[in-house]
Amino acid sequence: MATVLSVSGSPSASSRTGRLLRHLDQRLAAQGHRVIPLDVRTIPAEALLGADFRHPAIVEATELFARADGVVVGTPVYKASYSGVLKALLDLLPQYALTGKTVLPLATGGTTAHVLAIDYALRPVLNSMGAAHIVQGWFTLDKDITAHDDGTVTVAPAAAEALTQVVDQFSAALGHAPYLAAAS
């Protein structure tokens, strides 16, 4: 069983990105992984923007990254890049915080014009932080994610199938072949 840190880089509490990640966390947990969710928006702004490396929330986040075998990083795309709150957190982590880790980059956005944000904005940063293996990421259109009042989401069939494939590839890269096809 691998420990997976699932990081939502959305600044919004009602974010489709965050809800999608929690939905995918369930699949990873059903496959036997220990999943730890981290919503960057819950880290105090003064710690993130003030670059307070000693703030307890920053210390805790750094420890979560250190303990993880794999990291799922999800972000909404703003102006063709990942979110500012995610950038603020990544800037405060040690230079090689992802060394030896398998990473799954995910992004959401309103238009396919932003589909390359994973490869041109997020992937280089994750690589520079020493990720051992960055698996194929996936961009999901906002219109393919329906958020329900109870906090759950429904994902359009084609997007759900693609997400299932990338999550299962991530799981396999962690050394634990997925075994619950019904977990979608």
N, C-alpha and C. Protein backbone atom coordinates (compact mmCIF):
# COMPACT_ATOMS: atom_id res chain seq x y z
N MET A 1 0.84 -1.18 0.00
CA MET A 1 0.00 0.00 0.00
C MET A 1 0.89 1.24 0.00
N ALA A 2 0.64 2.13 -0.95
CA ALA A 2 1.38 3.38 -1.05
C ALA A 2 0.61 4.50 -0.36
N THR A 3 1.33 5.49 0.10
CA THR A 3 0.72 6.70 0.64
C THR A 3 0.70 7.74 -0.47
N VAL A 4 -0.50 8.25 -0.75
CA VAL A 4 -0.69 9.22 -1.82
C VAL A 4 -1.17 10.54 -1.21
N LEU A 5 -0.45 11.61 -1.51
CA LEU A 5 -0.87 12.95 -1.12
C LEU A 5 -1.64 13.54 -2.30
N SER A 6 -2.88 13.91 -2.08
CA SER A 6 -3.75 14.44 -3.13
C SER A 6 -3.94 15.94 -2.89
N VAL A 7 -3.26 16.75 -3.71
CA VAL A 7 -3.17 18.19 -3.49
C VAL A 7 -4.10 18.94 -4.43
N SER A 8 -5.05 19.67 -3.86
CA SER A 8 -5.92 20.53 -4.65
C SER A 8 -5.37 21.95 -4.60
N GLY A 9 -5.02 22.47 -5.77
CA GLY A 9 -4.49 23.82 -5.86
C GLY A 9 -5.55 24.86 -6.16
N SER A 10 -6.80 24.56 -5.87
CA SER A 10 -7.86 25.52 -6.12
C SER A 10 -8.05 26.45 -4.93
N PRO A 11 -8.24 27.75 -5.20
CA PRO A 11 -8.51 28.68 -4.10
C PRO A 11 -9.96 28.67 -3.64
N SER A 12 -10.82 27.93 -4.30
CA SER A 12 -12.25 27.95 -4.02
C SER A 12 -12.71 26.72 -3.24
N ALA A 13 -13.54 26.95 -2.24
CA ALA A 13 -14.09 25.84 -1.45
C ALA A 13 -15.08 25.01 -2.25
N SER A 14 -15.72 25.61 -3.24
CA SER A 14 -16.70 24.88 -4.04
C SER A 14 -16.13 24.46 -5.40
N SER A 15 -14.85 24.36 -5.48
CA SER A 15 -14.13 24.08 -6.72
C SER A 15 -14.46 22.73 -7.32
N ARG A 16 -14.64 22.72 -8.63
CA ARG A 16 -14.78 21.45 -9.34
C ARG A 16 -13.47 20.67 -9.26
N THR A 17 -12.36 21.39 -9.28
CA THR A 17 -11.06 20.73 -9.20
C THR A 17 -10.94 19.94 -7.90
N GLY A 18 -11.24 20.59 -6.79
CA GLY A 18 -11.16 19.92 -5.50
C GLY A 18 -12.11 18.75 -5.39
N ARG A 19 -13.31 18.93 -5.87
CA ARG A 19 -14.30 17.85 -5.82
C ARG A 19 -13.89 16.69 -6.71
N LEU A 20 -13.33 17.00 -7.88
CA LEU A 20 -12.85 15.95 -8.77
C LEU A 20 -11.73 15.16 -8.11
N LEU A 21 -10.81 15.86 -7.46
CA LEU A 21 -9.72 15.16 -6.76
C LEU A 21 -10.25 14.24 -5.67
N ARG A 22 -11.20 14.74 -4.87
CA ARG A 22 -11.74 13.89 -3.80
C ARG A 22 -12.45 12.67 -4.41
N HIS A 23 -13.07 12.83 -5.55
CA HIS A 23 -13.71 11.71 -6.27
C HIS A 23 -12.64 10.70 -6.70
N LEU A 24 -11.54 11.17 -7.24
CA LEU A 24 -10.46 10.28 -7.68
C LEU A 24 -9.75 9.64 -6.48
N ASP A 25 -9.71 10.36 -5.36
CA ASP A 25 -9.12 9.81 -4.13
C ASP A 25 -9.83 8.52 -3.73
N GLN A 26 -11.14 8.49 -3.93
CA GLN A 26 -11.92 7.30 -3.58
C GLN A 26 -11.47 6.10 -4.40
N ARG A 27 -11.17 6.31 -5.67
CA ARG A 27 -10.69 5.21 -6.52
C ARG A 27 -9.34 4.71 -6.02
N LEU A 28 -8.45 5.64 -5.70
CA LEU A 28 -7.13 5.25 -5.21
C LEU A 28 -7.24 4.51 -3.87
N ALA A 29 -8.11 4.98 -3.00
CA ALA A 29 -8.31 4.30 -1.71
C ALA A 29 -8.87 2.90 -1.91
N ALA A 30 -9.81 2.75 -2.87
CA ALA A 30 -10.39 1.44 -3.15
C ALA A 30 -9.34 0.48 -3.71
N GLN A 31 -8.28 1.03 -4.29
CA GLN A 31 -7.20 0.20 -4.81
C GLN A 31 -6.16 -0.13 -3.74
N GLY A 32 -6.41 0.29 -2.52
CA GLY A 32 -5.54 -0.08 -1.41
C GLY A 32 -4.54 0.97 -0.99
N HIS A 33 -4.60 2.15 -1.58
CA HIS A 33 -3.67 3.21 -1.20
C HIS A 33 -4.21 4.01 -0.02
N ARG A 34 -3.29 4.52 0.76
CA ARG A 34 -3.66 5.45 1.83
C ARG A 34 -3.61 6.84 1.21
N VAL A 35 -4.74 7.52 1.14
CA VAL A 35 -4.82 8.82 0.48
C VAL A 35 -4.99 9.92 1.53
N ILE A 36 -4.14 10.93 1.43
CA ILE A 36 -4.19 12.08 2.32
C ILE A 36 -4.54 13.31 1.49
N PRO A 37 -5.72 13.90 1.70
CA PRO A 37 -6.08 15.10 0.94
C PRO A 37 -5.44 16.35 1.54
N LEU A 38 -5.03 17.24 0.65
CA LEU A 38 -4.49 18.54 1.08
C LEU A 38 -5.09 19.60 0.16
N ASP A 39 -5.92 20.45 0.73
CA ASP A 39 -6.48 21.58 0.00
C ASP A 39 -5.62 22.80 0.33
N VAL A 40 -4.85 23.26 -0.64
CA VAL A 40 -3.91 24.36 -0.40
C VAL A 40 -4.64 25.59 0.14
N ARG A 41 -5.88 25.80 -0.27
CA ARG A 41 -6.65 26.97 0.17
C ARG A 41 -6.83 27.01 1.69
N THR A 42 -6.65 25.87 2.38
CA THR A 42 -6.82 25.84 3.83
C THR A 42 -5.56 26.29 4.58
N ILE A 43 -4.47 26.43 3.86
CA ILE A 43 -3.24 26.94 4.48
C ILE A 43 -3.38 28.45 4.60
N PRO A 44 -3.11 29.00 5.77
CA PRO A 44 -3.29 30.45 5.95
C PRO A 44 -2.54 31.28 4.90
N ALA A 45 -3.24 32.26 4.36
CA ALA A 45 -2.67 33.12 3.32
C ALA A 45 -1.40 33.82 3.80
N GLU A 46 -1.38 34.23 5.05
CA GLU A 46 -0.20 34.93 5.56
C GLU A 46 1.04 34.03 5.55
N ALA A 47 0.82 32.73 5.73
CA ALA A 47 1.95 31.78 5.68
C ALA A 47 2.42 31.59 4.25
N LEU A 48 1.46 31.43 3.33
CA LEU A 48 1.81 31.23 1.91
C LEU A 48 2.44 32.47 1.30
N LEU A 49 1.76 33.59 1.43
CA LEU A 49 2.21 34.81 0.76
C LEU A 49 3.36 35.49 1.48
N GLY A 50 3.48 35.24 2.78
CA GLY A 50 4.59 35.79 3.55
C GLY A 50 5.81 34.90 3.56
N ALA A 51 5.73 33.77 2.84
CA ALA A 51 6.84 32.81 2.76
C ALA A 51 7.35 32.44 4.15
N ASP A 52 6.42 32.11 5.04
CA ASP A 52 6.75 31.75 6.41
C ASP A 52 7.03 30.24 6.49
N PHE A 53 8.27 29.87 6.21
CA PHE A 53 8.67 28.47 6.18
C PHE A 53 8.45 27.78 7.52
N ARG A 54 8.42 28.55 8.61
CA ARG A 54 8.28 27.96 9.94
C ARG A 54 6.84 27.91 10.44
N HIS A 55 5.92 28.43 9.65
CA HIS A 55 4.51 28.39 10.06
C HIS A 55 4.10 26.92 10.19
N PRO A 56 3.37 26.57 11.24
CA PRO A 56 2.98 25.16 11.44
C PRO A 56 2.29 24.53 10.24
N ALA A 57 1.47 25.28 9.51
CA ALA A 57 0.77 24.72 8.35
C ALA A 57 1.75 24.41 7.21
N ILE A 58 2.76 25.22 7.04
CA ILE A 58 3.78 24.99 6.01
C ILE A 58 4.66 23.80 6.42
N VAL A 59 5.02 23.75 7.68
CA VAL A 59 5.81 22.62 8.19
C VAL A 59 5.03 21.32 8.00
N GLU A 60 3.73 21.34 8.32
CA GLU A 60 2.90 20.15 8.16
C GLU A 60 2.80 19.74 6.69
N ALA A 61 2.57 20.70 5.81
CA ALA A 61 2.49 20.39 4.38
C ALA A 61 3.80 19.79 3.88
N THR A 62 4.91 20.34 4.31
CA THR A 62 6.22 19.82 3.91
C THR A 62 6.39 18.39 4.39
N GLU A 63 5.94 18.10 5.59
CA GLU A 63 6.02 16.73 6.13
C GLU A 63 5.12 15.78 5.35
N LEU A 64 3.95 16.25 4.94
CA LEU A 64 3.04 15.41 4.14
C LEU A 64 3.70 15.03 2.81
N PHE A 65 4.34 15.98 2.16
CA PHE A 65 5.05 15.68 0.91
C PHE A 65 6.18 14.68 1.17
N ALA A 66 6.89 14.85 2.27
CA ALA A 66 8.02 13.96 2.57
C ALA A 66 7.56 12.52 2.81
N ARG A 67 6.41 12.35 3.43
CA ARG A 67 5.90 11.00 3.75
C ARG A 67 5.25 10.30 2.58
N ALA A 68 4.85 11.04 1.57
CA ALA A 68 4.10 10.46 0.45
C ALA A 68 4.99 9.65 -0.49
N ASP A 69 4.44 8.56 -1.00
CA ASP A 69 5.10 7.79 -2.05
C ASP A 69 4.75 8.36 -3.41
N GLY A 70 3.53 8.88 -3.50
CA GLY A 70 3.04 9.48 -4.73
C GLY A 70 2.24 10.72 -4.43
N VAL A 71 2.18 11.62 -5.42
CA VAL A 71 1.48 12.88 -5.24
C VAL A 71 0.59 13.12 -6.46
N VAL A 72 -0.69 13.39 -6.20
CA VAL A 72 -1.61 13.84 -7.23
C VAL A 72 -1.71 15.35 -7.05
N VAL A 73 -1.44 16.09 -8.12
CA VAL A 73 -1.52 17.55 -8.06
C VAL A 73 -2.60 17.99 -9.02
N GLY A 74 -3.65 18.58 -8.48
CA GLY A 74 -4.75 19.07 -9.30
C GLY A 74 -4.87 20.58 -9.19
N THR A 75 -5.13 21.21 -10.32
CA THR A 75 -5.24 22.66 -10.33
C THR A 75 -6.22 23.13 -11.38
N PRO A 76 -6.95 24.20 -11.07
CA PRO A 76 -7.67 24.87 -12.14
C PRO A 76 -6.64 25.63 -12.97
N VAL A 77 -6.96 25.86 -14.22
CA VAL A 77 -6.05 26.62 -15.08
C VAL A 77 -6.55 28.06 -15.14
N TYR A 78 -5.66 28.98 -14.80
CA TYR A 78 -5.94 30.41 -14.89
C TYR A 78 -4.87 31.04 -15.77
N LYS A 79 -5.27 31.74 -16.80
CA LYS A 79 -4.33 32.43 -17.69
C LYS A 79 -3.23 31.49 -18.17
N ALA A 80 -3.63 30.29 -18.59
CA ALA A 80 -2.75 29.28 -19.18
C ALA A 80 -1.72 28.72 -18.22
N SER A 81 -1.98 28.80 -16.92
CA SER A 81 -1.04 28.25 -15.96
C SER A 81 -1.80 27.70 -14.75
N TYR A 82 -1.07 27.07 -13.86
CA TYR A 82 -1.67 26.54 -12.64
C TYR A 82 -1.95 27.69 -11.67
N SER A 83 -2.70 27.42 -10.64
CA SER A 83 -3.17 28.46 -9.73
C SER A 83 -2.05 29.09 -8.91
N GLY A 84 -2.31 30.32 -8.51
CA GLY A 84 -1.34 31.05 -7.69
C GLY A 84 -1.15 30.44 -6.31
N VAL A 85 -2.22 29.91 -5.71
CA VAL A 85 -2.05 29.30 -4.38
C VAL A 85 -1.19 28.05 -4.47
N LEU A 86 -1.33 27.30 -5.56
CA LEU A 86 -0.47 26.12 -5.74
C LEU A 86 0.97 26.58 -5.92
N LYS A 87 1.20 27.61 -6.73
CA LYS A 87 2.55 28.14 -6.94
C LYS A 87 3.15 28.57 -5.61
N ALA A 88 2.36 29.27 -4.80
CA ALA A 88 2.86 29.74 -3.50
C ALA A 88 3.32 28.57 -2.64
N LEU A 89 2.54 27.49 -2.62
CA LEU A 89 2.93 26.32 -1.82
C LEU A 89 4.18 25.66 -2.40
N LEU A 90 4.20 25.41 -3.70
CA LEU A 90 5.36 24.75 -4.30
C LEU A 90 6.64 25.55 -4.07
N ASP A 91 6.52 26.87 -4.07
CA ASP A 91 7.69 27.73 -3.82
C ASP A 91 8.23 27.57 -2.40
N LEU A 92 7.39 27.17 -1.47
CA LEU A 92 7.82 27.05 -0.07
C LEU A 92 8.33 25.66 0.29
N LEU A 93 8.13 24.71 -0.59
CA LEU A 93 8.62 23.35 -0.33
C LEU A 93 10.11 23.29 -0.62
N PRO A 94 10.81 22.32 -0.02
CA PRO A 94 12.23 22.15 -0.35
C PRO A 94 12.41 21.93 -1.85
N GLN A 95 13.55 22.35 -2.38
CA GLN A 95 13.82 22.28 -3.82
C GLN A 95 13.52 20.90 -4.40
N TYR A 96 13.88 19.85 -3.68
CA TYR A 96 13.69 18.50 -4.21
C TYR A 96 12.64 17.72 -3.41
N ALA A 97 11.55 18.39 -3.10
CA ALA A 97 10.48 17.79 -2.29
C ALA A 97 9.82 16.59 -2.96
N LEU A 98 9.97 16.44 -4.27
CA LEU A 98 9.33 15.33 -4.98
C LEU A 98 10.32 14.22 -5.35
N THR A 99 11.52 14.29 -4.85
CA THR A 99 12.52 13.28 -5.16
C THR A 99 12.02 11.89 -4.78
N GLY A 100 12.11 10.99 -5.75
CA GLY A 100 11.72 9.60 -5.53
C GLY A 100 10.22 9.37 -5.58
N LYS A 101 9.45 10.38 -5.91
CA LYS A 101 7.99 10.24 -5.88
C LYS A 101 7.42 10.12 -7.30
N THR A 102 6.31 9.42 -7.39
CA THR A 102 5.54 9.34 -8.62
C THR A 102 4.47 10.42 -8.52
N VAL A 103 4.29 11.17 -9.62
CA VAL A 103 3.38 12.31 -9.59
C VAL A 103 2.38 12.22 -10.73
N LEU A 104 1.12 12.52 -10.42
CA LEU A 104 0.05 12.59 -11.40
C LEU A 104 -0.45 14.02 -11.47
N PRO A 105 -0.16 14.75 -12.57
CA PRO A 105 -0.68 16.11 -12.71
C PRO A 105 -2.06 16.12 -13.37
N LEU A 106 -2.98 16.87 -12.79
CA LEU A 106 -4.33 17.00 -13.32
C LEU A 106 -4.69 18.48 -13.37
N ALA A 107 -5.49 18.85 -14.36
CA ALA A 107 -5.93 20.24 -14.46
C ALA A 107 -7.37 20.28 -14.95
N THR A 108 -8.05 21.35 -14.57
CA THR A 108 -9.41 21.60 -15.04
C THR A 108 -9.47 23.01 -15.60
N GLY A 109 -10.38 23.21 -16.53
CA GLY A 109 -10.52 24.55 -17.10
C GLY A 109 -11.72 24.65 -18.01
N GLY A 110 -12.01 25.86 -18.42
CA GLY A 110 -13.19 26.13 -19.19
C GLY A 110 -13.06 25.92 -20.68
N THR A 111 -11.84 25.79 -21.18
CA THR A 111 -11.65 25.65 -22.61
C THR A 111 -10.46 24.76 -22.94
N THR A 112 -10.54 24.07 -24.04
CA THR A 112 -9.43 23.20 -24.45
C THR A 112 -8.20 24.02 -24.84
N ALA A 113 -8.33 25.32 -24.94
CA ALA A 113 -7.17 26.17 -25.22
C ALA A 113 -6.12 26.06 -24.11
N HIS A 114 -6.54 25.58 -22.95
CA HIS A 114 -5.63 25.47 -21.81
C HIS A 114 -5.10 24.06 -21.58
N VAL A 115 -5.38 23.16 -22.49
CA VAL A 115 -5.01 21.76 -22.29
C VAL A 115 -3.50 21.57 -22.12
N LEU A 116 -2.70 22.41 -22.72
CA LEU A 116 -1.24 22.27 -22.64
C LEU A 116 -0.65 22.84 -21.35
N ALA A 117 -1.48 23.41 -20.49
CA ALA A 117 -0.97 23.97 -19.24
C ALA A 117 -0.26 22.91 -18.40
N ILE A 118 -0.71 21.68 -18.47
CA ILE A 118 -0.04 20.62 -17.71
C ILE A 118 1.39 20.45 -18.20
N ASP A 119 1.56 20.33 -19.51
CA ASP A 119 2.90 20.05 -20.05
C ASP A 119 3.82 21.26 -20.09
N TYR A 120 3.27 22.45 -20.28
CA TYR A 120 4.11 23.63 -20.42
C TYR A 120 4.25 24.47 -19.16
N ALA A 121 3.37 24.32 -18.21
CA ALA A 121 3.45 25.10 -16.98
C ALA A 121 3.72 24.22 -15.76
N LEU A 122 2.92 23.17 -15.57
CA LEU A 122 3.02 22.38 -14.34
C LEU A 122 4.13 21.33 -14.38
N ARG A 123 4.20 20.56 -15.45
CA ARG A 123 5.19 19.48 -15.53
C ARG A 123 6.64 19.96 -15.31
N PRO A 124 7.07 21.08 -15.91
CA PRO A 124 8.45 21.53 -15.68
C PRO A 124 8.75 21.81 -14.21
N VAL A 125 7.77 22.37 -13.49
CA VAL A 125 7.98 22.66 -12.07
C VAL A 125 8.10 21.36 -11.28
N LEU A 126 7.21 20.41 -11.56
CA LEU A 126 7.25 19.13 -10.86
C LEU A 126 8.56 18.40 -11.16
N ASN A 127 9.01 18.48 -12.38
CA ASN A 127 10.28 17.87 -12.76
C ASN A 127 11.45 18.52 -12.03
N SER A 128 11.43 19.84 -11.94
CA SER A 128 12.52 20.56 -11.27
C SER A 128 12.58 20.24 -9.78
N MET A 129 11.47 19.75 -9.24
CA MET A 129 11.42 19.40 -7.82
C MET A 129 11.83 17.95 -7.57
N GLY A 130 12.33 17.29 -8.63
CA GLY A 130 12.92 15.98 -8.47
C GLY A 130 12.01 14.79 -8.60
N ALA A 131 10.81 14.97 -9.11
CA ALA A 131 9.89 13.83 -9.24
C ALA A 131 10.57 12.68 -9.98
N ALA A 132 10.46 11.49 -9.42
CA ALA A 132 11.07 10.32 -10.04
C ALA A 132 10.36 9.95 -11.33
N HIS A 133 9.05 10.09 -11.32
CA HIS A 133 8.25 9.70 -12.48
C HIS A 133 6.98 10.55 -12.50
N ILE A 134 6.80 11.31 -13.57
CA ILE A 134 5.57 12.08 -13.74
C ILE A 134 4.77 11.34 -14.80
N VAL A 135 3.69 10.72 -14.37
CA VAL A 135 2.86 9.93 -15.29
C VAL A 135 2.05 10.86 -16.18
N GLN A 136 1.43 10.27 -17.18
CA GLN A 136 0.57 11.02 -18.08
C GLN A 136 -0.49 11.76 -17.28
N GLY A 137 -0.58 13.07 -17.47
CA GLY A 137 -1.59 13.85 -16.78
C GLY A 137 -2.87 13.92 -17.58
N TRP A 138 -3.84 14.67 -17.06
CA TRP A 138 -5.09 14.80 -17.78
C TRP A 138 -5.73 16.14 -17.49
N PHE A 139 -6.27 16.75 -18.54
CA PHE A 139 -7.02 18.00 -18.45
C PHE A 139 -8.49 17.68 -18.63
N THR A 140 -9.32 18.15 -17.72
CA THR A 140 -10.75 17.92 -17.79
C THR A 140 -11.47 19.26 -17.91
N LEU A 141 -12.36 19.34 -18.88
CA LEU A 141 -13.16 20.54 -19.05
C LEU A 141 -14.14 20.70 -17.89
N ASP A 142 -14.32 21.93 -17.44
CA ASP A 142 -15.28 22.21 -16.37
C ASP A 142 -16.67 21.67 -16.71
N LYS A 143 -17.06 21.78 -17.98
CA LYS A 143 -18.41 21.35 -18.37
C LYS A 143 -18.60 19.84 -18.23
N ASP A 144 -17.50 19.10 -18.11
CA ASP A 144 -17.59 17.65 -17.95
C ASP A 144 -17.66 17.22 -16.48
N ILE A 145 -17.65 18.19 -15.58
CA ILE A 145 -17.71 17.91 -14.14
C ILE A 145 -18.97 18.57 -13.58
N THR A 146 -19.87 17.77 -13.07
CA THR A 146 -21.09 18.29 -12.45
C THR A 146 -20.96 18.12 -10.95
N ALA A 147 -20.97 19.25 -10.24
CA ALA A 147 -20.89 19.22 -8.79
C ALA A 147 -22.29 19.17 -8.20
N HIS A 148 -22.49 18.29 -7.24
CA HIS A 148 -23.79 18.13 -6.59
C HIS A 148 -23.76 18.77 -5.21
N ASP A 149 -24.93 19.09 -4.69
CA ASP A 149 -25.03 19.76 -3.39
C ASP A 149 -24.42 18.96 -2.24
N ASP A 150 -24.39 17.64 -2.37
CA ASP A 150 -23.84 16.80 -1.30
C ASP A 150 -22.32 16.70 -1.36
N GLY A 151 -21.67 17.44 -2.28
CA GLY A 151 -20.21 17.42 -2.38
C GLY A 151 -19.67 16.42 -3.38
N THR A 152 -20.52 15.56 -3.90
CA THR A 152 -20.07 14.57 -4.89
C THR A 152 -20.04 15.20 -6.28
N VAL A 153 -19.45 14.47 -7.20
CA VAL A 153 -19.41 14.93 -8.59
C VAL A 153 -19.81 13.80 -9.52
N THR A 154 -20.30 14.20 -10.66
CA THR A 154 -20.52 13.27 -11.76
C THR A 154 -19.63 13.76 -12.89
N VAL A 155 -18.91 12.84 -13.50
CA VAL A 155 -18.00 13.19 -14.59
C VAL A 155 -18.58 12.62 -15.88
N ALA A 156 -18.58 13.41 -16.94
CA ALA A 156 -19.08 12.96 -18.24
C ALA A 156 -18.38 11.67 -18.63
N PRO A 157 -19.08 10.75 -19.27
CA PRO A 157 -18.53 9.42 -19.55
C PRO A 157 -17.14 9.39 -20.22
N ALA A 158 -16.92 10.15 -21.26
CA ALA A 158 -15.61 10.12 -21.93
C ALA A 158 -14.50 10.62 -21.01
N ALA A 159 -14.78 11.69 -20.27
CA ALA A 159 -13.79 12.22 -19.33
C ALA A 159 -13.56 11.24 -18.18
N ALA A 160 -14.62 10.61 -17.71
CA ALA A 160 -14.50 9.63 -16.62
C ALA A 160 -13.63 8.46 -17.05
N GLU A 161 -13.81 8.00 -18.27
CA GLU A 161 -13.01 6.89 -18.77
C GLU A 161 -11.53 7.27 -18.85
N ALA A 162 -11.25 8.46 -19.36
CA ALA A 162 -9.86 8.92 -19.45
C ALA A 162 -9.24 9.08 -18.07
N LEU A 163 -9.99 9.65 -17.13
CA LEU A 163 -9.49 9.82 -15.77
C LEU A 163 -9.23 8.48 -15.09
N THR A 164 -10.11 7.53 -15.31
CA THR A 164 -9.91 6.19 -14.77
C THR A 164 -8.60 5.60 -15.27
N GLN A 165 -8.32 5.78 -16.55
CA GLN A 165 -7.08 5.25 -17.13
C GLN A 165 -5.85 5.91 -16.53
N VAL A 166 -5.85 7.25 -16.39
CA VAL A 166 -4.65 7.91 -15.85
C VAL A 166 -4.47 7.60 -14.37
N VAL A 167 -5.56 7.50 -13.63
CA VAL A 167 -5.46 7.14 -12.21
C VAL A 167 -4.94 5.72 -12.06
N ASP A 168 -5.42 4.81 -12.88
CA ASP A 168 -4.95 3.42 -12.81
C ASP A 168 -3.48 3.31 -13.23
N GLN A 169 -3.05 4.10 -14.21
CA GLN A 169 -1.64 4.11 -14.60
C GLN A 169 -0.77 4.65 -13.47
N PHE A 170 -1.27 5.68 -12.79
CA PHE A 170 -0.57 6.23 -11.63
C PHE A 170 -0.45 5.17 -10.54
N SER A 171 -1.55 4.48 -10.27
CA SER A 171 -1.56 3.43 -9.26
C SER A 171 -0.55 2.33 -9.61
N ALA A 172 -0.52 1.93 -10.88
CA ALA A 172 0.42 0.90 -11.32
C ALA A 172 1.86 1.40 -11.19
N ALA A 173 2.08 2.67 -11.49
CA ALA A 173 3.44 3.23 -11.38
C ALA A 173 3.91 3.27 -9.93
N LEU A 174 2.97 3.31 -9.01
CA LEU A 174 3.33 3.26 -7.59
C LEU A 174 3.73 1.85 -7.17
N GLY A 175 3.54 0.90 -8.09
CA GLY A 175 3.90 -0.48 -7.78
C GLY A 175 2.73 -1.30 -7.28
N HIS A 176 1.56 -0.78 -7.43
CA HIS A 176 0.36 -1.48 -6.99
C HIS A 176 -0.62 -1.50 -8.15
N ALA A 177 -0.65 -2.58 -8.86
CA ALA A 177 -1.55 -2.67 -10.00
C ALA A 177 -2.99 -2.51 -9.55
N PRO A 178 -3.77 -1.69 -10.25
CA PRO A 178 -5.17 -1.53 -9.87
C PRO A 178 -5.92 -2.83 -10.00
N TYR A 179 -6.78 -3.08 -9.04
CA TYR A 179 -7.50 -4.35 -9.05
C TYR A 179 -9.00 -4.20 -8.88
N LEU A 180 -9.49 -2.98 -8.77
CA LEU A 180 -10.91 -2.79 -8.57
C LEU A 180 -11.51 -2.02 -9.74
N ALA A 181 -11.84 -2.68 -10.81
CA ALA A 181 -12.42 -2.02 -11.96
C ALA A 181 -13.75 -1.36 -11.61
N ALA A 182 -14.44 -1.89 -10.63
CA ALA A 182 -15.74 -1.36 -10.24
C ALA A 182 -15.62 -0.11 -9.38
N ALA A 183 -14.39 0.32 -9.07
CA ALA A 183 -14.20 1.47 -8.17
C ALA A 183 -14.51 2.79 -8.84
N SER A 184 -14.75 2.79 -10.14
CA SER A 184 -15.04 4.06 -10.82
C SER A 184 -16.41 4.53 -10.40
